[in-house]
Amino acid sequence: MAAVASAPNPVGVLLREWRQQRRLSQLDVASRSAVSARHLSFIETGRSRPSREMVLHLAQRLDVPLRERNRLLLAAGYAPGFTEHSLDERDMTPVRATIERLLRAHEPYPALVVDRHWNILAANRGVDFVVKGVAPELLAAPANAYRIALNPDGLAPRIGNFAEWSAHMLTRLRRELDVIPDPKLSALYEEVAAYPGVRPTSEPSSETDAVMLMHTLELDDAKLTLFSTITTFGTARDVTLAELTIESFFPANAESAAALAAGVAELTAAD
């Protein structure tokens, strides 16, 4: 959500947009924030300039992401309040080490780290095994998890429940866009939604998916049945760190576990 430079009080415009994005009235936000609806109205219309503390207070109550909180502060005439470091920087050394430990400890099962646009920043050998045979251009940096999963030159032909899995992925992307409007994420959604066979919605079709949706993959002679978990850094104060997501896949049965172990062992031996 970009700042509106031509507005008499840009921060008020942006706060109103975030409030509307959250489908809240001024009274709703005022009651959550312990400020009067009148004062909030003055801030939104530019009749009152909020303090730095008020900007951060309202942003927290509206669950605005750290990157957008910085934009709100800038629009109000204040310096950004949250750092943004590249993962390659020295300050992020403990984070890189933690991510590496998490990825390696999860082997032979696949795990990957993505940024806010689902570009892959790191992955383990479990992922290397799963993406064998994917078109090289899809694996070239910045490789995108959605393109790899849903592109016909990616994993799409190997996914046994592709209609359900693609619907699940598109639903997840739509929910992210509902929370944080983002042009790049919106463009990614439009791109992958146009891939052959991708469905925006799908109904569960088997009893095995009654508890959670499984991800079925056919790799060589092996059929993998997997489920996944999502991990984020809950106390992040850095924009980059707050936007990282770790997705970890687990085998749903002994056969899948054995196939992943054998595949990763083969890759390791070849290194």
C-alpha atoms as a PDB file:
ATOM      1  CA  MET A   1       0.000   0.000   0.000  1.00  0.00           C
ATOM      2  CA  ALA A   2       1.835   3.100  -1.222  1.00  0.00           C
ATOM      3  CA  ALA A   3       1.778   6.468   0.493  1.00  0.00           C
ATOM      4  CA  VAL A   4      -0.484   9.059  -1.160  1.00  0.00           C
ATOM      5  CA  ALA A   5       1.882  12.010  -1.496  1.00  0.00           C
ATOM      6  CA  SER A   6      -0.741  14.416  -2.821  1.00  0.00           C
ATOM      7  CA  ALA A   7      -3.034  14.060   0.206  1.00  0.00           C
ATOM      8  CA  PRO A   8      -2.974  16.915   2.762  1.00  0.00           C
ATOM      9  CA  ASN A   9      -2.161  14.386   5.475  1.00  0.00           C
ATOM     10  CA  PRO A  10      -0.935  11.151   3.844  1.00  0.00           C
ATOM     11  CA  VAL A  11      -0.771   9.158   7.066  1.00  0.00           C
ATOM     12  CA  GLY A  12      -4.482   9.769   7.639  1.00  0.00           C
ATOM     13  CA  VAL A  13      -5.295   8.490   4.174  1.00  0.00           C
ATOM     14  CA  LEU A  14      -3.202   5.381   4.724  1.00  0.00           C
ATOM     15  CA  LEU A  15      -4.679   4.678   8.149  1.00  0.00           C
ATOM     16  CA  ARG A  16      -8.173   4.966   6.691  1.00  0.00           C
ATOM     17  CA  GLU A  17      -7.244   2.526   3.920  1.00  0.00           C
ATOM     18  CA  TRP A  18      -5.915   0.021   6.450  1.00  0.00           C
ATOM     19  CA  ARG A  19      -9.053   0.410   8.582  1.00  0.00           C
ATOM     20  CA  GLN A  20     -11.247  -0.219   5.544  1.00  0.00           C
ATOM     21  CA  GLN A  21      -9.053  -3.146   4.518  1.00  0.00           C
ATOM     22  CA  ARG A  22      -9.728  -4.665   7.944  1.00  0.00           C
ATOM     23  CA  ARG A  23     -13.469  -3.947   7.491  1.00  0.00           C
ATOM     24  CA  LEU A  24     -13.636  -1.883  10.664  1.00  0.00           C
ATOM     25  CA  SER A  25     -15.563   1.288  11.417  1.00  0.00           C
ATOM     26  CA  GLN A  26     -13.968   4.299  13.067  1.00  0.00           C
ATOM     27  CA  LEU A  27     -15.869   3.375  16.217  1.00  0.00           C
ATOM     28  CA  ASP A  28     -14.444  -0.166  16.094  1.00  0.00           C
ATOM     29  CA  VAL A  29     -10.875   1.111  15.861  1.00  0.00           C
ATOM     30  CA  ALA A  30     -11.451   3.815  18.447  1.00  0.00           C
ATOM     31  CA  SER A  31     -12.741   1.318  20.995  1.00  0.00           C
ATOM     32  CA  ARG A  32      -9.811  -1.022  20.314  1.00  0.00           C
ATOM     33  CA  SER A  33      -7.293   1.800  20.565  1.00  0.00           C
ATOM     34  CA  ALA A  34      -8.649   3.722  23.565  1.00  0.00           C
ATOM     35  CA  VAL A  35      -8.962   6.921  21.522  1.00  0.00           C
ATOM     36  CA  SER A  36     -12.109   8.824  20.652  1.00  0.00           C
ATOM     37  CA  ALA A  37     -13.806   8.255  17.321  1.00  0.00           C
ATOM     38  CA  ARG A  38     -13.701  12.034  16.858  1.00  0.00           C
ATOM     39  CA  HIS A  39      -9.928  12.127  17.250  1.00  0.00           C
ATOM     40  CA  LEU A  40      -9.510   9.201  14.843  1.00  0.00           C
ATOM     41  CA  SER A  41     -11.709  10.998  12.331  1.00  0.00           C
ATOM     42  CA  PHE A  42      -9.536  14.120  12.646  1.00  0.00           C
ATOM     43  CA  ILE A  43      -6.410  12.013  12.011  1.00  0.00           C
ATOM     44  CA  GLU A  44      -7.908  10.353   8.935  1.00  0.00           C
ATOM     45  CA  THR A  45      -9.077  13.637   7.427  1.00  0.00           C
ATOM     46  CA  GLY A  46      -5.841  15.461   8.179  1.00  0.00           C
ATOM     47  CA  ARG A  47      -7.284  17.857  10.752  1.00  0.00           C
ATOM     48  CA  SER A  48      -4.976  16.374  13.393  1.00  0.00           C
ATOM     49  CA  ARG A  49      -1.364  15.241  13.033  1.00  0.00           C
ATOM     50  CA  PRO A  50      -0.772  12.065  15.054  1.00  0.00           C
ATOM     51  CA  SER A  51       2.321  11.645  17.195  1.00  0.00           C
ATOM     52  CA  ARG A  52       4.825   8.943  16.390  1.00  0.00           C
ATOM     53  CA  GLU A  53       3.484   6.919  19.318  1.00  0.00           C
ATOM     54  CA  MET A  54      -0.093   7.271  18.054  1.00  0.00           C
ATOM     55  CA  VAL A  55       0.868   6.090  14.555  1.00  0.00           C
ATOM     56  CA  LEU A  56       2.505   2.975  15.984  1.00  0.00           C
ATOM     57  CA  HIS A  57      -0.384   2.450  18.413  1.00  0.00           C
ATOM     58  CA  LEU A  58      -3.013   2.545  15.671  1.00  0.00           C
ATOM     59  CA  ALA A  59      -0.854   0.408  13.352  1.00  0.00           C
ATOM     60  CA  GLN A  60      -0.581  -2.254  16.035  1.00  0.00           C
ATOM     61  CA  ARG A  61      -4.345  -2.261  16.637  1.00  0.00           C
ATOM     62  CA  LEU A  62      -4.916  -2.576  12.882  1.00  0.00           C
ATOM     63  CA  ASP A  63      -2.368  -5.421  12.672  1.00  0.00           C
ATOM     64  CA  VAL A  64      -0.346  -3.559  10.056  1.00  0.00           C
ATOM     65  CA  PRO A  65       2.837  -5.434   8.987  1.00  0.00           C
ATOM     66  CA  LEU A  66       6.200  -3.959   9.972  1.00  0.00           C
ATOM     67  CA  ARG A  67       7.065  -2.861   6.432  1.00  0.00           C
ATOM     68  CA  GLU A  68       3.817  -0.910   6.196  1.00  0.00           C
ATOM     69  CA  ARG A  69       4.298   0.564   9.692  1.00  0.00           C
ATOM     70  CA  ASN A  70       7.512   2.108   8.418  1.00  0.00           C
ATOM     71  CA  ARG A  71       5.586   3.612   5.513  1.00  0.00           C
ATOM     72  CA  LEU A  72       3.003   5.037   7.893  1.00  0.00           C
ATOM     73  CA  LEU A  73       5.762   6.641   9.973  1.00  0.00           C
ATOM     74  CA  LEU A  74       7.371   8.156   6.875  1.00  0.00           C
ATOM     75  CA  ALA A  75       4.007   9.471   5.686  1.00  0.00           C
ATOM     76  CA  ALA A  76       3.552  11.147   9.075  1.00  0.00           C
ATOM     77  CA  GLY A  77       6.985  12.758   8.840  1.00  0.00           C
ATOM     78  CA  TYR A  78       8.854  10.425  11.187  1.00  0.00           C
ATOM     79  CA  ALA A  79      11.828   8.137  10.698  1.00  0.00           C
ATOM     80  CA  PRO A  80      11.139   4.411  10.143  1.00  0.00           C
ATOM     81  CA  GLY A  81      10.863   2.440  13.368  1.00  0.00           C
ATOM     82  CA  PHE A  82      11.901  -0.997  12.140  1.00  0.00           C
ATOM     83  CA  THR A  83      15.140  -2.117  10.529  1.00  0.00           C
ATOM     84  CA  GLU A  84      15.367  -4.032   7.258  1.00  0.00           C
ATOM     85  CA  HIS A  85      18.460  -6.190   6.835  1.00  0.00           C
ATOM     86  CA  SER A  86      19.415  -8.535   4.038  1.00  0.00           C
ATOM     87  CA  LEU A  87      19.914 -12.107   5.168  1.00  0.00           C
ATOM     88  CA  ASP A  88      23.515 -11.776   3.986  1.00  0.00           C
ATOM     89  CA  GLU A  89      24.319  -8.995   6.440  1.00  0.00           C
ATOM     90  CA  ARG A  90      26.367  -9.554   9.566  1.00  0.00           C
ATOM     91  CA  ASP A  91      23.498  -8.660  11.906  1.00  0.00           C
ATOM     92  CA  MET A  92      21.519 -11.579  10.476  1.00  0.00           C
ATOM     93  CA  THR A  93      24.218 -14.185  11.172  1.00  0.00           C
ATOM     94  CA  PRO A  94      22.273 -15.756  14.101  1.00  0.00           C
ATOM     95  CA  VAL A  95      19.156 -15.902  11.928  1.00  0.00           C
ATOM     96  CA  ARG A  96      21.014 -17.604   9.061  1.00  0.00           C
ATOM     97  CA  ALA A  97      22.516 -20.109  11.489  1.00  0.00           C
ATOM     98  CA  THR A  98      19.099 -20.870  12.977  1.00  0.00           C
ATOM     99  CA  ILE A  99      17.519 -21.326   9.557  1.00  0.00           C
ATOM    100  CA  GLU A 100      20.340 -23.635   8.482  1.00  0.00           C
ATOM    101  CA  ARG A 101      19.918 -25.762  11.604  1.00  0.00           C
ATOM    102  CA  LEU A 102      16.163 -25.990  11.092  1.00  0.00           C
ATOM    103  CA  LEU A 103      16.488 -26.995   7.443  1.00  0.00           C
ATOM    104  CA  ARG A 104      19.218 -29.593   8.039  1.00  0.00           C
ATOM    105  CA  ALA A 105      17.504 -31.037  11.115  1.00  0.00           C
ATOM    106  CA  HIS A 106      14.364 -31.610   9.044  1.00  0.00           C
ATOM    107  CA  GLU A 107      16.151 -33.758   6.437  1.00  0.00           C
ATOM    108  CA  PRO A 108      15.402 -36.067   4.752  1.00  0.00           C
ATOM    109  CA  TYR A 109      12.022 -34.344   4.662  1.00  0.00           C
ATOM    110  CA  PRO A 110      11.620 -31.210   2.503  1.00  0.00           C
ATOM    111  CA  ALA A 111      11.740 -27.731   4.058  1.00  0.00           C
ATOM    112  CA  LEU A 112      12.207 -24.309   2.488  1.00  0.00           C
ATOM    113  CA  VAL A 113      12.363 -20.642   3.463  1.00  0.00           C
ATOM    114  CA  VAL A 114      10.474 -18.069   1.397  1.00  0.00           C
ATOM    115  CA  ASP A 115      10.075 -14.298   1.424  1.00  0.00           C
ATOM    116  CA  ARG A 116       6.796 -12.379   1.290  1.00  0.00           C
ATOM    117  CA  HIS A 117       6.477 -13.050  -2.466  1.00  0.00           C
ATOM    118  CA  TRP A 118       7.149 -16.783  -2.043  1.00  0.00           C
ATOM    119  CA  ASN A 119      10.612 -16.550  -3.578  1.00  0.00           C
ATOM    120  CA  ILE A 120      12.789 -19.337  -2.190  1.00  0.00           C
ATOM    121  CA  LEU A 121      15.671 -18.052  -0.074  1.00  0.00           C
ATOM    122  CA  ALA A 122      16.928 -21.390   1.235  1.00  0.00           C
ATOM    123  CA  ALA A 123      15.997 -25.061   0.983  1.00  0.00           C
ATOM    124  CA  ASN A 124      17.308 -28.416   2.156  1.00  0.00           C
ATOM    125  CA  ARG A 125      18.176 -31.608   0.291  1.00  0.00           C
ATOM    126  CA  GLY A 126      14.662 -32.905   0.743  1.00  0.00           C
ATOM    127  CA  VAL A 127      13.509 -30.118  -1.551  1.00  0.00           C
ATOM    128  CA  ASP A 128      16.369 -30.876  -3.961  1.00  0.00           C
ATOM    129  CA  PHE A 129      15.083 -34.439  -4.241  1.00  0.00           C
ATOM    130  CA  VAL A 130      11.458 -33.412  -4.780  1.00  0.00           C
ATOM    131  CA  VAL A 131      12.232 -30.870  -7.529  1.00  0.00           C
ATOM    132  CA  LYS A 132      14.423 -33.190  -9.606  1.00  0.00           C
ATOM    133  CA  GLY A 133      13.292 -32.873 -13.218  1.00  0.00           C
ATOM    134  CA  VAL A 134      11.698 -29.447 -12.821  1.00  0.00           C
ATOM    135  CA  ALA A 135      12.561 -27.110 -15.709  1.00  0.00           C
ATOM    136  CA  PRO A 136      15.881 -25.328 -15.003  1.00  0.00           C
ATOM    137  CA  GLU A 137      14.386 -21.895 -15.692  1.00  0.00           C
ATOM    138  CA  LEU A 138      11.916 -22.415 -12.836  1.00  0.00           C
ATOM    139  CA  LEU A 139      14.754 -23.266 -10.456  1.00  0.00           C
ATOM    140  CA  ALA A 140      16.905 -20.297 -11.438  1.00  0.00           C
ATOM    141  CA  ALA A 141      17.080 -17.499  -8.867  1.00  0.00           C
ATOM    142  CA  PRO A 142      14.787 -16.033  -7.776  1.00  0.00           C
ATOM    143  CA  ALA A 143      12.962 -19.386  -7.838  1.00  0.00           C
ATOM    144  CA  ASN A 144       9.348 -19.045  -6.773  1.00  0.00           C
ATOM    145  CA  ALA A 145       7.594 -21.778  -4.801  1.00  0.00           C
ATOM    146  CA  TYR A 146       4.226 -21.135  -6.471  1.00  0.00           C
ATOM    147  CA  ARG A 147       5.632 -21.303  -9.992  1.00  0.00           C
ATOM    148  CA  ILE A 148       7.543 -24.498  -9.202  1.00  0.00           C
ATOM    149  CA  ALA A 149       4.468 -26.114  -7.695  1.00  0.00           C
ATOM    150  CA  LEU A 150       1.814 -25.116 -10.250  1.00  0.00           C
ATOM    151  CA  ASN A 151       3.620 -24.550 -13.559  1.00  0.00           C
ATOM    152  CA  PRO A 152       3.150 -27.383 -16.087  1.00  0.00           C
ATOM    153  CA  ASP A 153       6.966 -27.515 -16.433  1.00  0.00           C
ATOM    154  CA  GLY A 154       7.274 -27.773 -12.673  1.00  0.00           C
ATOM    155  CA  LEU A 155       5.710 -30.207 -10.213  1.00  0.00           C
ATOM    156  CA  ALA A 156       2.158 -29.893 -11.573  1.00  0.00           C
ATOM    157  CA  PRO A 157       2.205 -33.080 -13.730  1.00  0.00           C
ATOM    158  CA  ARG A 158       3.418 -35.106 -10.732  1.00  0.00           C
ATOM    159  CA  ILE A 159       0.808 -33.928  -8.226  1.00  0.00           C
ATOM    160  CA  GLY A 160      -1.860 -36.590  -7.874  1.00  0.00           C
ATOM    161  CA  ASN A 161      -4.481 -34.282  -6.337  1.00  0.00           C
ATOM    162  CA  PHE A 162      -3.579 -31.234  -8.399  1.00  0.00           C
ATOM    163  CA  ALA A 163      -7.070 -29.690  -8.444  1.00  0.00           C
ATOM    164  CA  GLU A 164      -7.330 -29.704  -4.661  1.00  0.00           C
ATOM    165  CA  TRP A 165      -3.723 -28.708  -4.073  1.00  0.00           C
ATOM    166  CA  SER A 166      -3.820 -25.804  -6.534  1.00  0.00           C
ATOM    167  CA  ALA A 167      -7.093 -24.596  -4.968  1.00  0.00           C
ATOM    168  CA  HIS A 168      -5.460 -24.746  -1.547  1.00  0.00           C
ATOM    169  CA  MET A 169      -2.470 -22.706  -2.736  1.00  0.00           C
ATOM    170  CA  LEU A 170      -4.620 -20.081  -4.456  1.00  0.00           C
ATOM    171  CA  THR A 171      -6.837 -19.769  -1.383  1.00  0.00           C
ATOM    172  CA  ARG A 172      -3.759 -19.205   0.775  1.00  0.00           C
ATOM    173  CA  LEU A 173      -2.506 -16.524  -1.621  1.00  0.00           C
ATOM    174  CA  ARG A 174      -5.917 -14.804  -1.653  1.00  0.00           C
ATOM    175  CA  ARG A 175      -5.929 -14.702   2.143  1.00  0.00           C
ATOM    176  CA  GLU A 176      -2.497 -13.099   2.164  1.00  0.00           C
ATOM    177  CA  LEU A 177      -3.708 -10.464  -0.302  1.00  0.00           C
ATOM    178  CA  ASP A 178      -6.731  -9.781   1.901  1.00  0.00           C
ATOM    179  CA  VAL A 179      -4.379  -9.068   4.802  1.00  0.00           C
ATOM    180  CA  ILE A 180      -1.653  -7.222   2.892  1.00  0.00           C
ATOM    181  CA  PRO A 181      -2.504  -5.814  -0.555  1.00  0.00           C
ATOM    182  CA  ASP A 182       0.623  -6.212  -2.688  1.00  0.00           C
ATOM    183  CA  PRO A 183       0.935  -5.636  -6.461  1.00  0.00           C
ATOM    184  CA  LYS A 184       3.653  -8.287  -6.915  1.00  0.00           C
ATOM    185  CA  LEU A 185       1.669 -10.873  -4.959  1.00  0.00           C
ATOM    186  CA  SER A 186      -1.449  -9.985  -6.933  1.00  0.00           C
ATOM    187  CA  ALA A 187       0.464 -10.420 -10.208  1.00  0.00           C
ATOM    188  CA  LEU A 188       1.739 -13.797  -9.003  1.00  0.00           C
ATOM    189  CA  TYR A 189      -1.817 -14.861  -8.208  1.00  0.00           C
ATOM    190  CA  GLU A 190      -3.052 -13.885 -11.686  1.00  0.00           C
ATOM    191  CA  GLU A 191      -0.131 -15.692 -13.301  1.00  0.00           C
ATOM    192  CA  VAL A 192      -0.466 -19.020 -11.514  1.00  0.00           C
ATOM    193  CA  ALA A 193      -4.277 -18.955 -11.645  1.00  0.00           C
ATOM    194  CA  ALA A 194      -3.965 -18.983 -15.449  1.00  0.00           C
ATOM    195  CA  TYR A 195      -1.822 -22.140 -15.539  1.00  0.00           C
ATOM    196  CA  PRO A 196      -3.501 -25.207 -17.105  1.00  0.00           C
ATOM    197  CA  GLY A 197      -5.568 -27.253 -14.666  1.00  0.00           C
ATOM    198  CA  VAL A 198      -5.291 -24.784 -11.790  1.00  0.00           C
ATOM    199  CA  ARG A 199      -8.586 -24.315  -9.978  1.00  0.00           C
ATOM    200  CA  PRO A 200      -9.458 -21.404  -7.691  1.00  0.00           C
ATOM    201  CA  THR A 201     -11.725 -23.587  -5.551  1.00  0.00           C
ATOM    202  CA  SER A 202     -12.188 -27.309  -5.006  1.00  0.00           C
ATOM    203  CA  GLU A 203     -14.113 -29.581  -2.658  1.00  0.00           C
ATOM    204  CA  PRO A 204     -12.407 -32.347  -0.634  1.00  0.00           C
ATOM    205  CA  SER A 205     -12.747 -35.631  -2.502  1.00  0.00           C
ATOM    206  CA  SER A 206     -11.494 -38.313  -0.126  1.00  0.00           C
ATOM    207  CA  GLU A 207     -11.873 -39.459   3.441  1.00  0.00           C
ATOM    208  CA  THR A 208      -8.090 -39.286   3.904  1.00  0.00           C
ATOM    209  CA  ASP A 209      -8.325 -35.501   3.643  1.00  0.00           C
ATOM    210  CA  ALA A 210     -10.920 -35.261   6.403  1.00  0.00           C
ATOM    211  CA  VAL A 211      -8.329 -34.056   8.931  1.00  0.00           C
ATOM    212  CA  MET A 212      -6.032 -32.061   6.640  1.00  0.00           C
ATOM    213  CA  LEU A 213      -5.286 -31.749   2.944  1.00  0.00           C
ATOM    214  CA  MET A 214      -2.495 -34.077   1.858  1.00  0.00           C
ATOM    215  CA  HIS A 215      -0.010 -33.321  -0.898  1.00  0.00           C
ATOM    216  CA  THR A 216       0.504 -36.345  -3.176  1.00  0.00           C
ATOM    217  CA  LEU A 217       3.523 -36.491  -5.488  1.00  0.00           C
ATOM    218  CA  GLU A 218       4.676 -39.169  -7.910  1.00  0.00           C
ATOM    219  CA  LEU A 219       8.470 -39.199  -8.205  1.00  0.00           C
ATOM    220  CA  ASP A 220      10.001 -41.936 -10.357  1.00  0.00           C
ATOM    221  CA  ASP A 221       8.630 -45.149  -8.834  1.00  0.00           C
ATOM    222  CA  ALA A 222       7.719 -43.547  -5.523  1.00  0.00           C
ATOM    223  CA  LYS A 223       4.442 -41.999  -4.469  1.00  0.00           C
ATOM    224  CA  LEU A 224       4.789 -39.446  -1.694  1.00  0.00           C
ATOM    225  CA  THR A 225       1.950 -38.383   0.581  1.00  0.00           C
ATOM    226  CA  LEU A 226       2.895 -35.306   2.593  1.00  0.00           C
ATOM    227  CA  PHE A 227       1.431 -32.656   4.845  1.00  0.00           C
ATOM    228  CA  SER A 228       2.997 -29.338   5.741  1.00  0.00           C
ATOM    229  CA  THR A 229       3.447 -26.853   8.565  1.00  0.00           C
ATOM    230  CA  ILE A 230       4.250 -23.137   8.475  1.00  0.00           C
ATOM    231  CA  THR A 231       6.719 -21.459  10.857  1.00  0.00           C
ATOM    232  CA  THR A 232       7.355 -17.731  11.293  1.00  0.00           C
ATOM    233  CA  PHE A 233       9.510 -15.649  13.650  1.00  0.00           C
ATOM    234  CA  GLY A 234       6.953 -14.479  16.195  1.00  0.00           C
ATOM    235  CA  THR A 235       9.027 -11.779  17.913  1.00  0.00           C
ATOM    236  CA  ALA A 236      10.607 -10.234  14.823  1.00  0.00           C
ATOM    237  CA  ARG A 237      11.463  -6.529  14.981  1.00  0.00           C
ATOM    238  CA  ASP A 238      13.173  -6.500  11.579  1.00  0.00           C
ATOM    239  CA  VAL A 239      11.109  -6.202   8.396  1.00  0.00           C
ATOM    240  CA  THR A 240      12.980  -8.974   6.548  1.00  0.00           C
ATOM    241  CA  LEU A 241      12.754 -11.371   9.469  1.00  0.00           C
ATOM    242  CA  ALA A 242       9.044 -10.676   9.976  1.00  0.00           C
ATOM    243  CA  GLU A 243       8.365 -11.578   6.346  1.00  0.00           C
ATOM    244  CA  LEU A 244      10.191 -14.926   6.343  1.00  0.00           C
ATOM    245  CA  THR A 245       8.168 -18.131   6.234  1.00  0.00           C
ATOM    246  CA  ILE A 246       9.504 -21.653   6.745  1.00  0.00           C
ATOM    247  CA  GLU A 247       7.352 -24.389   5.203  1.00  0.00           C
ATOM    248  CA  SER A 248       8.176 -27.913   6.334  1.00  0.00           C
ATOM    249  CA  PHE A 249       6.754 -31.087   4.790  1.00  0.00           C
ATOM    250  CA  PHE A 250       6.262 -34.340   6.674  1.00  0.00           C
ATOM    251  CA  PRO A 251       5.564 -37.855   5.372  1.00  0.00           C
ATOM    252  CA  ALA A 252       2.045 -39.110   6.021  1.00  0.00           C
ATOM    253  CA  ASN A 253       3.075 -42.775   5.931  1.00  0.00           C
ATOM    254  CA  ALA A 254       6.081 -45.080   6.226  1.00  0.00           C
ATOM    255  CA  GLU A 255       6.416 -45.519   2.462  1.00  0.00           C
ATOM    256  CA  SER A 256       6.783 -41.773   1.911  1.00  0.00           C
ATOM    257  CA  ALA A 257       9.330 -41.525   4.735  1.00  0.00           C
ATOM    258  CA  ALA A 258      11.388 -44.339   3.241  1.00  0.00           C
ATOM    259  CA  ALA A 259      11.291 -42.856  -0.268  1.00  0.00           C
ATOM    260  CA  LEU A 260      12.471 -39.463   0.990  1.00  0.00           C
ATOM    261  CA  ALA A 261      15.250 -41.036   3.042  1.00  0.00           C
ATOM    262  CA  ALA A 262      16.472 -43.053   0.057  1.00  0.00           C
ATOM    263  CA  GLY A 263      16.268 -40.094  -2.310  1.00  0.00           C
ATOM    264  CA  VAL A 264      18.178 -37.727  -0.053  1.00  0.00           C
ATOM    265  CA  ALA A 265      20.787 -40.415   0.708  1.00  0.00           C
ATOM    266  CA  GLU A 266      21.358 -40.793  -3.031  1.00  0.00           C
ATOM    267  CA  LEU A 267      21.772 -37.038  -3.480  1.00  0.00           C
ATOM    268  CA  THR A 268      24.178 -36.865  -0.546  1.00  0.00           C
ATOM    269  CA  ALA A 269      26.287 -39.701  -1.902  1.00  0.00           C
ATOM    270  CA  ALA A 270      26.507 -37.968  -5.270  1.00  0.00           C
ATOM    271  CA  ASP A 271      27.801 -34.705  -3.731  1.00  0.00           C
END
